[in-house]
Structure formats: structure tokens, C-alpha cells
Amino acid sequence: MSTFEPGQYVRLRSGGKRMLVKPPPEATPLPHSTLVLCEHEEKKRTVQGFYIATNLKLASDPQQ
């Protein structure tokens, strides 16, 4: 299971954009999955994707 909570900011361990962790989809839950649903802004669009939890690290909150 993922140790990241919805609302936290993460980024890939290799660097990259800061992403917001989203709650898992209700329609198709991913039981015992290491995938984390994240979203970020790119070219004025919201992009969502699933990332492997071990490839993510916590990032600072942009409002701080």
C-alpha cells in the first residue's frame, strides 16, 4: 500500500514536476496496489497519472 495521503505533494525520485496526490478512484479501487494517483499542471492542462510509490518522494507544499 502507498504511504502517501491525498493532498500531499510528491515528485519523482529522479526529479521532475511537483504533483498532488489524489484520492484513489471509487469506481475501480486498486486493492493492495503500490500505484499512486497524482495530478500536475502541464501546458495549462491538468494531467493525471499513476506512479509507483517507490519512485516517489515527498515534496514541499507550494504555499509554504
N, C-alpha and C. Protein backbone atom coordinates (compact mmCIF):
# COMPACT_ATOMS: atom_id res chain seq x y z
N MET A 1 0.84 -1.19 0.00
CA MET A 1 0.00 0.00 0.00
C MET A 1 0.88 1.25 0.00
N SER A 2 0.33 2.33 -0.50
CA SER A 2 1.04 3.60 -0.57
C SER A 2 1.07 4.26 0.81
N THR A 3 2.16 4.94 1.11
CA THR A 3 2.25 5.69 2.36
C THR A 3 1.91 7.16 2.13
N PHE A 4 1.55 7.52 0.92
CA PHE A 4 1.21 8.90 0.60
C PHE A 4 -0.28 9.13 0.79
N GLU A 5 -0.62 10.27 1.36
CA GLU A 5 -2.02 10.62 1.63
C GLU A 5 -2.51 11.62 0.59
N PRO A 6 -3.80 11.58 0.25
CA PRO A 6 -4.35 12.58 -0.67
C PRO A 6 -4.11 13.99 -0.13
N GLY A 7 -3.70 14.88 -1.02
CA GLY A 7 -3.42 16.25 -0.63
C GLY A 7 -1.94 16.54 -0.43
N GLN A 8 -1.11 15.50 -0.32
CA GLN A 8 0.33 15.69 -0.18
C GLN A 8 0.94 15.96 -1.56
N TYR A 9 2.07 16.66 -1.55
CA TYR A 9 2.80 16.90 -2.78
C TYR A 9 3.98 15.96 -2.85
N VAL A 10 4.20 15.39 -4.04
CA VAL A 10 5.29 14.45 -4.26
C VAL A 10 6.00 14.82 -5.56
N ARG A 11 7.17 14.24 -5.74
CA ARG A 11 7.84 14.32 -7.03
C ARG A 11 8.58 13.02 -7.25
N LEU A 12 8.93 12.75 -8.49
CA LEU A 12 9.69 11.54 -8.79
C LEU A 12 11.06 11.62 -8.14
N ARG A 13 11.57 10.49 -7.69
CA ARG A 13 12.90 10.47 -7.07
C ARG A 13 13.97 10.96 -8.03
N SER A 14 13.77 10.76 -9.33
CA SER A 14 14.74 11.21 -10.33
C SER A 14 14.60 12.69 -10.65
N GLY A 15 13.67 13.37 -9.99
CA GLY A 15 13.41 14.79 -10.25
C GLY A 15 12.13 14.94 -11.05
N GLY A 16 11.82 16.15 -11.41
CA GLY A 16 10.63 16.37 -12.22
C GLY A 16 9.63 17.28 -11.54
N LYS A 17 8.44 17.30 -12.09
CA LYS A 17 7.40 18.21 -11.62
C LYS A 17 6.86 17.80 -10.26
N ARG A 18 6.41 18.82 -9.52
CA ARG A 18 5.72 18.56 -8.25
C ARG A 18 4.30 18.15 -8.60
N MET A 19 3.83 17.07 -7.97
CA MET A 19 2.50 16.54 -8.27
C MET A 19 1.69 16.44 -6.99
N LEU A 20 0.39 16.55 -7.12
CA LEU A 20 -0.53 16.45 -5.99
C LEU A 20 -1.11 15.04 -5.96
N VAL A 21 -1.04 14.39 -4.79
CA VAL A 21 -1.61 13.05 -4.63
C VAL A 21 -3.13 13.19 -4.55
N LYS A 22 -3.84 12.43 -5.37
CA LYS A 22 -5.29 12.46 -5.42
C LYS A 22 -5.85 11.22 -4.72
N PRO A 23 -7.10 11.27 -4.25
CA PRO A 23 -7.70 10.07 -3.66
C PRO A 23 -7.88 9.00 -4.74
N PRO A 24 -7.81 7.73 -4.35
CA PRO A 24 -7.99 6.66 -5.35
C PRO A 24 -9.40 6.70 -5.93
N PRO A 25 -9.54 6.29 -7.19
CA PRO A 25 -10.88 6.30 -7.80
C PRO A 25 -11.82 5.35 -7.09
N GLU A 26 -13.05 5.80 -6.87
CA GLU A 26 -14.05 4.99 -6.17
C GLU A 26 -14.58 3.86 -7.04
N ALA A 27 -14.68 4.09 -8.33
CA ALA A 27 -15.30 3.11 -9.23
C ALA A 27 -14.43 1.86 -9.38
N THR A 28 -13.14 2.04 -9.47
CA THR A 28 -12.24 0.90 -9.66
C THR A 28 -11.10 0.97 -8.65
N PRO A 29 -11.35 0.55 -7.41
CA PRO A 29 -10.29 0.62 -6.40
C PRO A 29 -9.12 -0.30 -6.75
N LEU A 30 -7.95 0.07 -6.30
CA LEU A 30 -6.75 -0.73 -6.54
C LEU A 30 -6.30 -1.34 -5.22
N PRO A 31 -6.88 -2.49 -4.84
CA PRO A 31 -6.53 -3.07 -3.53
C PRO A 31 -5.07 -3.53 -3.49
N HIS A 32 -4.41 -3.21 -2.41
CA HIS A 32 -3.03 -3.63 -2.18
C HIS A 32 -2.11 -3.26 -3.34
N SER A 33 -2.33 -2.10 -3.90
CA SER A 33 -1.54 -1.65 -5.04
C SER A 33 -0.48 -0.66 -4.59
N THR A 34 0.65 -0.65 -5.28
CA THR A 34 1.70 0.33 -5.00
C THR A 34 1.57 1.54 -5.91
N LEU A 35 0.48 1.62 -6.69
CA LEU A 35 0.27 2.75 -7.58
C LEU A 35 -0.37 3.91 -6.84
N VAL A 36 0.09 5.12 -7.15
CA VAL A 36 -0.42 6.34 -6.52
C VAL A 36 -0.96 7.24 -7.63
N LEU A 37 -2.20 7.69 -7.50
CA LEU A 37 -2.80 8.60 -8.47
C LEU A 37 -2.33 10.02 -8.17
N CYS A 38 -1.70 10.66 -9.15
CA CYS A 38 -1.19 12.02 -8.97
C CYS A 38 -1.66 12.89 -10.12
N GLU A 39 -1.68 14.21 -9.87
CA GLU A 39 -2.01 15.14 -10.95
C GLU A 39 -1.08 16.34 -10.88
N HIS A 40 -0.81 16.91 -12.06
CA HIS A 40 0.01 18.11 -12.16
C HIS A 40 -0.45 18.93 -13.36
N GLU A 41 -0.01 20.18 -13.40
CA GLU A 41 -0.36 21.08 -14.50
C GLU A 41 0.75 21.04 -15.54
N GLU A 42 0.34 20.93 -16.81
CA GLU A 42 1.30 20.95 -17.91
C GLU A 42 0.66 21.63 -19.10
N LYS A 43 1.28 22.68 -19.56
CA LYS A 43 0.78 23.44 -20.71
C LYS A 43 -0.68 23.83 -20.52
N LYS A 44 -0.99 24.38 -19.34
CA LYS A 44 -2.33 24.86 -18.98
C LYS A 44 -3.38 23.75 -18.97
N ARG A 45 -2.94 22.51 -18.78
CA ARG A 45 -3.85 21.37 -18.67
C ARG A 45 -3.54 20.60 -17.40
N THR A 46 -4.57 19.95 -16.87
CA THR A 46 -4.38 19.08 -15.71
C THR A 46 -4.11 17.67 -16.23
N VAL A 47 -3.00 17.10 -15.81
CA VAL A 47 -2.59 15.77 -16.25
C VAL A 47 -2.63 14.84 -15.05
N GLN A 48 -3.31 13.70 -15.18
CA GLN A 48 -3.35 12.69 -14.12
C GLN A 48 -2.62 11.45 -14.58
N GLY A 49 -2.00 10.76 -13.63
CA GLY A 49 -1.31 9.53 -13.95
C GLY A 49 -1.06 8.71 -12.70
N PHE A 50 -0.82 7.43 -12.91
CA PHE A 50 -0.48 6.53 -11.81
C PHE A 50 1.03 6.35 -11.78
N TYR A 51 1.60 6.45 -10.59
CA TYR A 51 3.04 6.31 -10.41
C TYR A 51 3.30 5.27 -9.33
N ILE A 52 4.40 4.54 -9.45
CA ILE A 52 4.78 3.54 -8.46
C ILE A 52 5.28 4.27 -7.21
N ALA A 53 4.76 3.89 -6.05
CA ALA A 53 5.06 4.60 -4.80
C ALA A 53 6.55 4.65 -4.49
N THR A 54 7.30 3.60 -4.82
CA THR A 54 8.73 3.59 -4.51
C THR A 54 9.52 4.58 -5.37
N ASN A 55 8.92 5.06 -6.47
CA ASN A 55 9.59 6.04 -7.34
C ASN A 55 9.27 7.47 -6.94
N LEU A 56 8.48 7.66 -5.87
CA LEU A 56 8.07 8.99 -5.44
C LEU A 56 8.71 9.36 -4.11
N LYS A 57 8.86 10.67 -3.89
CA LYS A 57 9.30 11.19 -2.59
C LYS A 57 8.46 12.42 -2.29
N LEU A 58 8.33 12.75 -1.00
CA LEU A 58 7.56 13.92 -0.60
C LEU A 58 8.24 15.19 -1.11
N ALA A 59 7.42 16.16 -1.48
CA ALA A 59 7.92 17.46 -1.94
C ALA A 59 7.31 18.54 -1.06
N SER A 60 7.89 19.71 -1.09
CA SER A 60 7.38 20.81 -0.28
C SER A 60 6.07 21.33 -0.85
N ASP A 61 5.24 21.84 0.04
CA ASP A 61 3.96 22.43 -0.35
C ASP A 61 4.23 23.77 -1.03
N PRO A 62 3.64 24.05 -2.20
CA PRO A 62 3.93 25.30 -2.90
C PRO A 62 3.48 26.55 -2.16
N GLN A 63 2.57 26.45 -1.19
CA GLN A 63 2.10 27.62 -0.45
C GLN A 63 3.02 27.99 0.70
N GLN A 64 4.02 27.18 0.99
CA GLN A 64 4.91 27.47 2.11
C GLN A 64 6.06 28.33 1.65
